[in-house]
């Protein structure tokens, strides 16, 4: 059975398919993260800044398992609505870790309208967002937080 493992190359680590039959004793040398491959219909990056939520469905033109490994200039983006239950969970996650920002990655297993089709992959509390089509909205959300919150150094 295949799974998504990580392989290093050119200073980066990208997920790729690995097969349990190819494992040997060299795996005992260091820690590894393996997870089952999700039969997905797409990927979503959700950027949350304070109460603002920006979401983009992302696709690699070549249909790659992991869109991060290719030419980011060729990625296809489309805004996508985040189901209310997912959005609530994102805010709860950030609150639990005392964060005001996070880039959440999801695999979609359906059309994205139902929360059960959103499979959580990770939250990156220092995620990249400047390359996204909604970077202007994300920048404005950061500016609002920095100019109005005590934590951000701004006025109340």
Protein backbone atom coordinates (compact mmCIF):
# COMPACT_ATOMS: atom_id res chain seq x y z
CA UNK A 1 0.00 0.00 0.00
CA UNK A 2 1.29 3.47 -0.85
CA UNK A 3 1.53 6.32 1.60
CA UNK A 4 2.71 9.88 1.52
CA UNK A 5 6.20 10.11 2.95
CA UNK A 6 8.81 12.83 2.67
CA UNK A 7 11.89 12.85 0.49
CA UNK A 8 14.70 15.43 0.64
CA UNK A 9 16.01 17.08 -2.48
CA UNK A 10 17.61 20.43 -3.30
CA UNK A 11 17.34 21.48 0.34
CA UNK A 12 13.59 20.87 0.50
CA UNK A 13 11.37 18.11 1.80
CA UNK A 14 8.30 17.19 -0.28
CA UNK A 15 5.69 14.51 0.18
CA UNK A 16 5.77 11.66 -2.28
CA UNK A 17 4.46 8.12 -2.55
CA UNK A 18 6.45 5.46 -0.76
CA UNK A 19 5.75 1.75 -0.45
CA UNK A 20 6.20 -0.30 2.70
CA UNK A 21 7.98 -3.02 0.73
CA UNK A 22 10.83 -0.60 0.04
CA UNK A 23 11.59 0.05 3.73
CA UNK A 24 14.80 -1.32 5.23
CA UNK A 25 16.79 -1.03 8.45
CA UNK A 26 18.03 2.46 7.51
CA UNK A 27 14.67 3.83 8.73
CA UNK A 28 15.84 3.19 12.31
CA UNK A 29 18.49 5.93 12.00
CA UNK A 30 16.12 8.90 12.46
CA UNK A 31 12.49 9.88 12.94
CA UNK A 32 10.07 9.75 10.00
CA UNK A 33 6.48 10.78 9.37
CA UNK A 34 4.35 8.55 7.19
CA UNK A 35 0.65 9.03 6.59
CA UNK A 36 -1.90 7.29 4.44
CA UNK A 37 -2.44 8.84 1.03
CA UNK A 38 -5.77 10.64 0.87
CA UNK A 39 -7.74 10.10 -2.34
CA UNK A 40 -8.30 13.80 -2.88
CA UNK A 41 -10.12 15.96 -5.38
CA UNK A 42 -8.05 19.03 -4.57
CA UNK A 43 -6.00 20.98 -2.05
CA UNK A 44 -6.90 24.09 -0.06
CA UNK A 45 -4.75 26.67 1.74
CA UNK A 46 -6.73 28.59 4.35
CA UNK A 47 -5.04 31.65 5.81
CA UNK A 48 -6.52 32.94 9.06
CA UNK A 49 -5.51 36.32 10.49
CA UNK A 50 -7.53 37.27 13.55
CA UNK A 51 -11.15 36.67 12.57
CA UNK A 52 -10.47 37.00 8.82
CA UNK A 53 -10.38 33.86 6.74
CA UNK A 54 -9.02 33.65 3.16
CA UNK A 55 -9.16 30.34 1.30
CA UNK A 56 -7.80 29.24 -2.05
CA UNK A 57 -8.19 25.91 -3.77
CA UNK A 58 -4.82 25.08 -5.32
CA UNK A 59 -4.03 22.72 -8.17
CA UNK A 60 -0.81 21.86 -9.94
CA UNK A 61 -1.22 21.71 -13.73
CA UNK A 62 0.54 18.33 -13.80
CA UNK A 63 -1.77 16.85 -11.11
CA UNK A 64 1.16 16.34 -8.71
CA UNK A 65 0.59 14.66 -5.35
CA UNK A 66 2.07 17.74 -3.65
CA UNK A 67 1.64 21.15 -5.31
CA UNK A 68 4.54 22.57 -3.27
CA UNK A 69 7.22 20.72 -5.23
CA UNK A 70 6.62 22.37 -8.61
CA UNK A 71 6.68 25.82 -10.17
CA UNK A 72 4.47 27.98 -7.92
CA UNK A 73 4.00 30.41 -10.82
CA UNK A 74 2.09 27.74 -12.72
CA UNK A 75 -0.30 26.79 -9.91
CA UNK A 76 -4.01 27.22 -10.48
CA UNK A 77 -5.94 29.09 -7.77
CA UNK A 78 -9.65 29.52 -7.13
CA UNK A 79 -11.34 31.12 -4.13
CA UNK A 80 -13.34 28.59 -2.12
CA UNK A 81 -15.89 29.01 0.66
CA UNK A 82 -14.91 27.42 3.95
CA UNK A 83 -17.76 25.48 5.60
CA UNK A 84 -18.89 27.09 8.87
CA UNK A 85 -17.89 24.04 10.94
CA UNK A 86 -14.36 24.10 9.48
CA UNK A 87 -14.01 27.84 10.03
CA UNK A 88 -15.11 27.46 13.64
CA UNK A 89 -12.55 24.68 14.15
CA UNK A 90 -9.78 26.89 12.69
CA UNK A 91 -10.54 29.68 15.17
CA UNK A 92 -10.68 27.14 18.02
CA UNK A 93 -7.30 25.74 16.96
CA UNK A 94 -5.66 29.18 16.93
CA UNK A 95 -7.24 30.08 20.26
CA UNK A 96 -6.02 26.83 21.84
CA UNK A 97 -2.44 27.70 20.88
CA UNK A 98 -2.75 31.44 21.60
CA UNK A 99 -2.17 32.30 17.95
CA UNK A 100 -3.77 35.00 15.79
CA UNK A 101 -2.39 33.67 12.49
CA UNK A 102 -2.06 30.33 10.78
CA UNK A 103 -1.89 28.83 7.31
CA UNK A 104 -3.97 25.65 7.27
CA UNK A 105 -3.63 23.03 4.57
CA UNK A 106 -6.43 20.64 3.67
CA UNK A 107 -7.04 17.86 1.19
CA UNK A 108 -10.53 17.86 -0.31
CA UNK A 109 -12.28 14.54 -0.84
CA UNK A 110 -15.39 16.04 -2.45
CA UNK A 111 -16.50 19.36 -3.88
CA UNK A 112 -15.61 21.26 -0.71
CA UNK A 113 -19.12 22.29 0.26
CA UNK A 114 -19.45 19.81 3.15
CA UNK A 115 -17.15 19.91 6.18
CA UNK A 116 -16.61 16.14 6.07
CA UNK A 117 -14.84 16.57 2.70
CA UNK A 118 -12.13 18.73 4.30
CA UNK A 119 -9.24 16.60 5.61
CA UNK A 120 -6.84 18.53 7.85
CA UNK A 121 -3.18 18.18 6.88
CA UNK A 122 -1.39 20.80 9.00
CA UNK A 123 -1.31 24.29 10.42
CA UNK A 124 1.81 26.30 9.77
CA UNK A 125 1.95 29.16 12.29
CA UNK A 126 4.53 30.90 10.09
CA UNK A 127 3.10 29.91 6.72
CA UNK A 128 3.80 31.60 3.41
CA UNK A 129 0.97 33.63 1.89
CA UNK A 130 2.51 36.40 -0.21
CA UNK A 131 2.19 34.33 -3.38
CA UNK A 132 -1.57 33.79 -3.00
CA UNK A 133 -4.05 35.78 -5.11
CA UNK A 134 -5.68 37.14 -1.92
CA UNK A 135 -2.35 38.38 -0.47
CA UNK A 136 -3.71 41.94 -0.44
CA UNK A 137 -6.59 40.93 1.83
CA UNK A 138 -4.20 39.01 4.09
CA UNK A 139 -1.87 42.02 4.28
CA UNK A 140 -4.81 44.25 5.24
CA UNK A 141 -5.82 41.80 7.98
CA UNK A 142 -2.29 41.90 9.43
CA UNK A 143 -2.27 45.71 9.24
CA UNK A 144 -5.57 45.84 11.13
CA UNK A 145 -4.27 43.57 13.88
CA UNK A 146 -0.97 45.40 14.20
CA UNK A 147 -2.62 48.83 14.31
CA UNK A 148 -5.49 48.02 16.67
CA UNK A 149 -4.39 45.31 19.09
CA UNK A 150 -2.40 45.72 22.26
CA UNK A 151 -0.49 42.52 21.35
CA UNK A 152 0.39 44.00 17.96
CA UNK A 153 1.71 47.19 19.51
CA UNK A 154 -1.14 49.36 18.25
CA UNK A 155 -3.72 51.45 20.06
CA UNK A 156 -6.81 49.91 21.59
